[in-house]
Amino acid sequence: MQQEILEAVTDERLKVYVVWTPVLREDDRQAAVKAIGEVSDERASHFWDADKSLGFALGKTVTLPRERELAWDVYFVFNAQAEWGDNPPKPEDWMHQLGTDKRKLDGEKLRASIEKLLQSR
């Protein structure tokens, strides 16, 4: 994320929201705080989703691999006009690291999708 997207896309309109979710046994708030440096760009804001509520809500907006319900290791691209209400909006694009289907994370493709969206604004 840091190199493929944030260092390559310098547009200040890009905002990144990193949501840390406890999935593995060692995932806790302290581990999330330590990992913040992995995405250190000033356009990035970090959040702790202790009860996984956002992860499950985002998981309902797309069809995750292997019938998963929790969105983790998933990268969503939203339009600036996306309206957040009781449920998250559908993303303009998204990729993941949960399997090997056509939406498997490809930094170059994700960056191109973000740049295209920024150019259309």
N, C-alpha and C. Protein backbone atom coordinates (compact mmCIF):
# COMPACT_ATOMS: atom_id res chain seq x y z
N MET A 1 0.83 -1.19 0.00
CA MET A 1 0.00 0.00 0.00
C MET A 1 0.87 1.25 0.00
N GLN A 2 1.83 1.30 0.89
CA GLN A 2 2.69 2.48 1.01
C GLN A 2 3.43 2.75 -0.30
N GLN A 3 4.12 1.75 -0.83
CA GLN A 3 4.91 1.96 -2.05
C GLN A 3 4.06 1.97 -3.31
N GLU A 4 3.21 0.98 -3.47
CA GLU A 4 2.44 0.83 -4.71
C GLU A 4 1.41 1.93 -4.92
N ILE A 5 0.85 2.45 -3.86
CA ILE A 5 -0.21 3.44 -3.99
C ILE A 5 0.23 4.81 -3.49
N LEU A 6 0.52 4.92 -2.23
CA LEU A 6 0.74 6.24 -1.63
C LEU A 6 1.98 6.95 -2.15
N GLU A 7 3.05 6.24 -2.38
CA GLU A 7 4.24 6.90 -2.92
C GLU A 7 4.08 7.21 -4.40
N ALA A 8 3.26 6.46 -5.10
CA ALA A 8 3.07 6.65 -6.54
C ALA A 8 1.98 7.66 -6.87
N VAL A 9 0.97 7.76 -6.03
CA VAL A 9 -0.15 8.68 -6.27
C VAL A 9 0.02 9.84 -5.29
N THR A 10 0.46 10.97 -5.81
CA THR A 10 0.76 12.11 -4.93
C THR A 10 -0.41 13.08 -4.77
N ASP A 11 -1.51 12.82 -5.42
CA ASP A 11 -2.68 13.68 -5.36
C ASP A 11 -3.18 13.79 -3.91
N GLU A 12 -3.25 15.01 -3.42
CA GLU A 12 -3.67 15.25 -2.03
C GLU A 12 -5.14 14.91 -1.78
N ARG A 13 -5.92 14.75 -2.83
CA ARG A 13 -7.34 14.38 -2.65
C ARG A 13 -7.49 12.92 -2.23
N LEU A 14 -6.46 12.12 -2.46
CA LEU A 14 -6.51 10.72 -2.06
C LEU A 14 -6.48 10.63 -0.54
N LYS A 15 -7.45 9.94 0.01
CA LYS A 15 -7.49 9.67 1.44
C LYS A 15 -7.51 8.16 1.64
N VAL A 16 -6.76 7.69 2.61
CA VAL A 16 -6.68 6.27 2.89
C VAL A 16 -7.11 6.04 4.32
N TYR A 17 -8.02 5.10 4.50
CA TYR A 17 -8.49 4.73 5.83
C TYR A 17 -8.08 3.28 6.06
N VAL A 18 -7.17 3.08 6.98
CA VAL A 18 -6.67 1.74 7.29
C VAL A 18 -7.43 1.26 8.52
N VAL A 19 -8.12 0.14 8.36
CA VAL A 19 -8.91 -0.41 9.46
C VAL A 19 -8.24 -1.71 9.91
N TRP A 20 -7.77 -1.69 11.13
CA TRP A 20 -7.12 -2.87 11.71
C TRP A 20 -8.18 -3.70 12.42
N THR A 21 -8.22 -4.98 12.09
CA THR A 21 -9.25 -5.88 12.61
C THR A 21 -8.59 -7.11 13.23
N PRO A 22 -9.04 -7.54 14.40
CA PRO A 22 -8.45 -8.74 14.99
C PRO A 22 -8.94 -10.01 14.29
N VAL A 23 -8.05 -10.67 13.59
CA VAL A 23 -8.41 -11.91 12.89
C VAL A 23 -7.55 -13.06 13.41
N LEU A 24 -6.27 -12.85 13.48
CA LEU A 24 -5.35 -13.87 13.97
C LEU A 24 -5.20 -13.73 15.48
N ARG A 25 -4.75 -14.77 16.13
CA ARG A 25 -4.62 -14.78 17.58
C ARG A 25 -3.79 -13.60 18.10
N GLU A 26 -2.74 -13.24 17.36
CA GLU A 26 -1.85 -12.17 17.82
C GLU A 26 -2.36 -10.77 17.47
N ASP A 27 -3.48 -10.67 16.78
CA ASP A 27 -4.03 -9.37 16.41
C ASP A 27 -4.75 -8.72 17.60
N ASP A 28 -4.17 -7.64 18.09
CA ASP A 28 -4.83 -6.86 19.13
C ASP A 28 -4.52 -5.39 18.87
N ARG A 29 -5.08 -4.53 19.67
CA ARG A 29 -4.88 -3.10 19.45
C ARG A 29 -3.40 -2.71 19.50
N GLN A 30 -2.67 -3.31 20.42
CA GLN A 30 -1.24 -3.00 20.56
C GLN A 30 -0.48 -3.39 19.28
N ALA A 31 -0.80 -4.55 18.71
CA ALA A 31 -0.15 -4.96 17.46
C ALA A 31 -0.52 -4.01 16.33
N ALA A 32 -1.77 -3.55 16.31
CA ALA A 32 -2.20 -2.60 15.28
C ALA A 32 -1.43 -1.29 15.41
N VAL A 33 -1.26 -0.81 16.62
CA VAL A 33 -0.51 0.44 16.84
C VAL A 33 0.92 0.28 16.35
N LYS A 34 1.54 -0.86 16.61
CA LYS A 34 2.90 -1.10 16.14
C LYS A 34 2.97 -1.13 14.62
N ALA A 35 1.90 -1.60 13.97
CA ALA A 35 1.89 -1.75 12.52
C ALA A 35 1.56 -0.46 11.77
N ILE A 36 1.18 0.57 12.47
CA ILE A 36 0.80 1.82 11.81
C ILE A 36 1.91 2.34 10.90
N GLY A 37 3.15 2.12 11.27
CA GLY A 37 4.27 2.57 10.46
C GLY A 37 4.32 1.96 9.07
N GLU A 38 3.63 0.85 8.86
CA GLU A 38 3.60 0.22 7.54
C GLU A 38 2.87 1.10 6.53
N VAL A 39 1.97 1.94 7.01
CA VAL A 39 1.25 2.90 6.16
C VAL A 39 1.39 4.24 6.85
N SER A 40 2.50 4.90 6.61
CA SER A 40 2.84 6.11 7.36
C SER A 40 2.52 7.41 6.66
N ASP A 41 1.98 7.35 5.46
CA ASP A 41 1.65 8.56 4.71
C ASP A 41 0.67 9.42 5.51
N GLU A 42 0.86 10.74 5.46
CA GLU A 42 -0.01 11.64 6.24
C GLU A 42 -1.46 11.65 5.74
N ARG A 43 -1.72 11.13 4.55
CA ARG A 43 -3.10 11.03 4.04
C ARG A 43 -3.82 9.82 4.59
N ALA A 44 -3.12 8.99 5.34
CA ALA A 44 -3.71 7.77 5.90
C ALA A 44 -4.16 8.01 7.34
N SER A 45 -5.38 7.55 7.61
CA SER A 45 -5.93 7.56 8.98
C SER A 45 -6.14 6.11 9.39
N HIS A 46 -5.85 5.79 10.65
CA HIS A 46 -5.91 4.42 11.13
C HIS A 46 -7.03 4.27 12.16
N PHE A 47 -7.70 3.11 12.09
CA PHE A 47 -8.81 2.82 13.00
C PHE A 47 -8.70 1.39 13.49
N TRP A 48 -9.19 1.15 14.69
CA TRP A 48 -9.21 -0.18 15.29
C TRP A 48 -10.66 -0.65 15.34
N ASP A 49 -10.97 -1.75 14.66
CA ASP A 49 -12.32 -2.33 14.57
C ASP A 49 -12.39 -3.53 15.50
N ALA A 50 -12.40 -3.26 16.79
CA ALA A 50 -12.29 -4.32 17.80
C ALA A 50 -13.35 -5.40 17.67
N ASP A 51 -14.57 -5.02 17.37
CA ASP A 51 -15.66 -6.01 17.29
C ASP A 51 -15.91 -6.50 15.86
N LYS A 52 -15.08 -6.08 14.92
CA LYS A 52 -15.14 -6.49 13.52
C LYS A 52 -16.40 -6.02 12.81
N SER A 53 -17.14 -5.10 13.41
CA SER A 53 -18.42 -4.68 12.82
C SER A 53 -18.24 -4.04 11.45
N LEU A 54 -17.22 -3.21 11.28
CA LEU A 54 -17.00 -2.61 9.97
C LEU A 54 -16.55 -3.68 8.97
N GLY A 55 -15.69 -4.58 9.41
CA GLY A 55 -15.23 -5.66 8.53
C GLY A 55 -16.38 -6.51 8.01
N PHE A 56 -17.34 -6.82 8.88
CA PHE A 56 -18.50 -7.60 8.45
C PHE A 56 -19.42 -6.77 7.56
N ALA A 57 -19.59 -5.50 7.87
CA ALA A 57 -20.43 -4.63 7.04
C ALA A 57 -19.83 -4.48 5.64
N LEU A 58 -18.52 -4.27 5.57
CA LEU A 58 -17.86 -4.16 4.26
C LEU A 58 -17.92 -5.48 3.51
N GLY A 59 -17.85 -6.58 4.23
CA GLY A 59 -17.94 -7.90 3.61
C GLY A 59 -19.26 -8.14 2.91
N LYS A 60 -20.30 -7.43 3.31
CA LYS A 60 -21.61 -7.57 2.67
C LYS A 60 -21.73 -6.75 1.39
N THR A 61 -20.79 -5.85 1.14
CA THR A 61 -20.89 -4.99 -0.04
C THR A 61 -20.34 -5.65 -1.30
N VAL A 62 -19.58 -6.73 -1.14
CA VAL A 62 -18.97 -7.43 -2.27
C VAL A 62 -19.08 -8.94 -2.02
N THR A 63 -18.72 -9.72 -3.02
CA THR A 63 -18.68 -11.18 -2.86
C THR A 63 -17.23 -11.59 -2.63
N LEU A 64 -16.93 -11.89 -1.39
CA LEU A 64 -15.57 -12.27 -1.02
C LEU A 64 -15.29 -13.72 -1.42
N PRO A 65 -14.02 -14.06 -1.64
CA PRO A 65 -13.67 -15.44 -2.00
C PRO A 65 -14.04 -16.43 -0.91
N ARG A 66 -14.30 -17.63 -1.33
CA ARG A 66 -14.57 -18.76 -0.42
C ARG A 66 -15.69 -18.47 0.56
N GLU A 67 -16.67 -17.69 0.10
CA GLU A 67 -17.87 -17.38 0.90
C GLU A 67 -17.55 -16.74 2.25
N ARG A 68 -16.45 -16.03 2.31
CA ARG A 68 -16.09 -15.32 3.54
C ARG A 68 -17.09 -14.20 3.79
N GLU A 69 -17.24 -13.84 5.04
CA GLU A 69 -18.13 -12.75 5.40
C GLU A 69 -17.38 -11.54 5.95
N LEU A 70 -16.20 -11.76 6.49
CA LEU A 70 -15.40 -10.69 7.08
C LEU A 70 -14.41 -10.16 6.05
N ALA A 71 -14.47 -8.86 5.80
CA ALA A 71 -13.52 -8.22 4.89
C ALA A 71 -12.27 -7.86 5.69
N TRP A 72 -11.19 -8.58 5.44
CA TRP A 72 -9.88 -8.27 6.01
C TRP A 72 -8.86 -8.59 4.93
N ASP A 73 -7.78 -7.85 4.91
CA ASP A 73 -6.84 -7.92 3.80
C ASP A 73 -7.57 -7.62 2.49
N VAL A 74 -8.49 -6.65 2.56
CA VAL A 74 -9.27 -6.22 1.41
C VAL A 74 -9.04 -4.72 1.23
N TYR A 75 -8.92 -4.31 -0.03
CA TYR A 75 -8.64 -2.92 -0.37
C TYR A 75 -9.81 -2.38 -1.18
N PHE A 76 -10.51 -1.40 -0.64
CA PHE A 76 -11.68 -0.83 -1.28
C PHE A 76 -11.36 0.55 -1.84
N VAL A 77 -11.92 0.85 -3.00
CA VAL A 77 -11.78 2.17 -3.61
C VAL A 77 -13.17 2.78 -3.68
N PHE A 78 -13.33 3.93 -3.03
CA PHE A 78 -14.62 4.62 -3.02
C PHE A 78 -14.51 5.97 -3.70
N ASN A 79 -15.55 6.35 -4.37
CA ASN A 79 -15.68 7.66 -4.98
C ASN A 79 -15.82 8.69 -3.86
N ALA A 80 -15.34 9.89 -4.07
CA ALA A 80 -15.44 10.94 -3.05
C ALA A 80 -16.89 11.25 -2.70
N GLN A 81 -17.81 10.99 -3.62
CA GLN A 81 -19.23 11.27 -3.38
C GLN A 81 -19.95 10.10 -2.72
N ALA A 82 -19.25 9.02 -2.44
CA ALA A 82 -19.89 7.85 -1.81
C ALA A 82 -20.51 8.28 -0.49
N GLU A 83 -21.75 7.88 -0.28
CA GLU A 83 -22.46 8.25 0.95
C GLU A 83 -22.45 7.08 1.92
N TRP A 84 -21.93 7.37 3.10
CA TRP A 84 -21.86 6.37 4.16
C TRP A 84 -23.04 6.59 5.09
N GLY A 85 -23.88 5.59 5.21
CA GLY A 85 -25.02 5.66 6.11
C GLY A 85 -24.93 4.52 7.11
N ASP A 86 -26.05 3.85 7.34
CA ASP A 86 -26.05 2.71 8.24
C ASP A 86 -25.20 1.56 7.69
N ASN A 87 -25.10 1.51 6.36
CA ASN A 87 -24.30 0.48 5.70
C ASN A 87 -23.30 1.15 4.77
N PRO A 88 -22.14 0.54 4.59
CA PRO A 88 -21.16 1.12 3.67
C PRO A 88 -21.69 1.11 2.23
N PRO A 89 -21.25 2.06 1.42
CA PRO A 89 -21.64 2.05 0.01
C PRO A 89 -20.88 0.98 -0.75
N LYS A 90 -21.35 0.67 -1.94
CA LYS A 90 -20.62 -0.24 -2.82
C LYS A 90 -19.34 0.45 -3.27
N PRO A 91 -18.22 -0.24 -3.27
CA PRO A 91 -16.98 0.38 -3.73
C PRO A 91 -16.96 0.50 -5.26
N GLU A 92 -16.19 1.45 -5.75
CA GLU A 92 -15.98 1.59 -7.19
C GLU A 92 -15.12 0.43 -7.70
N ASP A 93 -14.20 -0.01 -6.86
CA ASP A 93 -13.32 -1.13 -7.20
C ASP A 93 -12.84 -1.73 -5.88
N TRP A 94 -12.31 -2.92 -5.93
CA TRP A 94 -11.76 -3.54 -4.73
C TRP A 94 -10.89 -4.73 -5.13
N MET A 95 -9.96 -5.05 -4.24
CA MET A 95 -9.09 -6.20 -4.40
C MET A 95 -8.83 -6.80 -3.02
N HIS A 96 -8.27 -7.99 -3.01
CA HIS A 96 -8.07 -8.68 -1.72
C HIS A 96 -6.82 -9.53 -1.75
N GLN A 97 -6.51 -10.07 -0.58
CA GLN A 97 -5.42 -11.03 -0.43
C GLN A 97 -5.95 -12.31 0.21
N LEU A 98 -7.16 -12.69 -0.16
CA LEU A 98 -7.83 -13.83 0.47
C LEU A 98 -7.88 -15.07 -0.42
N GLY A 99 -7.32 -15.00 -1.59
CA GLY A 99 -7.37 -16.13 -2.52
C GLY A 99 -6.70 -15.74 -3.82
N THR A 100 -6.94 -16.52 -4.86
CA THR A 100 -6.27 -16.29 -6.13
C THR A 100 -7.26 -16.12 -7.28
N ASP A 101 -8.31 -15.37 -7.09
CA ASP A 101 -9.25 -15.13 -8.17
C ASP A 101 -8.89 -13.83 -8.91
N LYS A 102 -9.78 -13.36 -9.77
CA LYS A 102 -9.48 -12.18 -10.58
C LYS A 102 -9.35 -10.90 -9.77
N ARG A 103 -9.77 -10.90 -8.52
CA ARG A 103 -9.66 -9.72 -7.67
C ARG A 103 -8.48 -9.79 -6.71
N LYS A 104 -7.61 -10.77 -6.90
CA LYS A 104 -6.40 -10.87 -6.07
C LYS A 104 -5.62 -9.56 -6.20
N LEU A 105 -5.12 -9.06 -5.10
CA LEU A 105 -4.43 -7.77 -5.07
C LEU A 105 -3.33 -7.69 -6.12
N ASP A 106 -3.43 -6.66 -6.94
CA ASP A 106 -2.41 -6.30 -7.93
C ASP A 106 -2.22 -4.80 -7.77
N GLY A 107 -1.10 -4.42 -7.17
CA GLY A 107 -0.86 -3.01 -6.85
C GLY A 107 -0.96 -2.09 -8.04
N GLU A 108 -0.45 -2.51 -9.18
CA GLU A 108 -0.50 -1.66 -10.38
C GLU A 108 -1.93 -1.44 -10.84
N LYS A 109 -2.74 -2.49 -10.85
CA LYS A 109 -4.14 -2.36 -11.27
C LYS A 109 -4.93 -1.50 -10.28
N LEU A 110 -4.67 -1.70 -9.00
CA LEU A 110 -5.38 -0.91 -8.00
C LEU A 110 -5.00 0.56 -8.12
N ARG A 111 -3.71 0.83 -8.30
CA ARG A 111 -3.26 2.21 -8.49
C ARG A 111 -3.91 2.83 -9.72
N ALA A 112 -3.98 2.10 -10.83
CA ALA A 112 -4.60 2.61 -12.05
C ALA A 112 -6.08 2.92 -11.82
N SER A 113 -6.75 2.10 -11.05
CA SER A 113 -8.16 2.34 -10.74
C SER A 113 -8.33 3.62 -9.92
N ILE A 114 -7.45 3.82 -8.96
CA ILE A 114 -7.49 5.02 -8.13
C ILE A 114 -7.18 6.26 -8.96
N GLU A 115 -6.17 6.17 -9.80
CA GLU A 115 -5.80 7.32 -10.64
C GLU A 115 -6.92 7.69 -11.60
N LYS A 116 -7.58 6.69 -12.15
CA LYS A 116 -8.70 6.94 -13.07
C LYS A 116 -9.84 7.65 -12.33
N LEU A 117 -10.12 7.23 -11.14
CA LEU A 117 -11.17 7.86 -10.35
C LEU A 117 -10.80 9.30 -9.99
N LEU A 118 -9.56 9.53 -9.64
CA LEU A 118 -9.11 10.89 -9.31
C LEU A 118 -9.17 11.80 -10.54
N GLN A 119 -8.87 11.28 -11.70
CA GLN A 119 -8.92 12.07 -12.93
C GLN A 119 -10.35 12.44 -13.32
N SER A 120 -11.30 11.62 -12.91
CA SER A 120 -12.69 11.89 -13.28
C SER A 120 -13.35 12.92 -12.38
N ARG A 121 -12.66 13.32 -11.32
CA ARG A 121 -13.25 14.31 -10.38
C ARG A 121 -12.89 15.70 -10.77
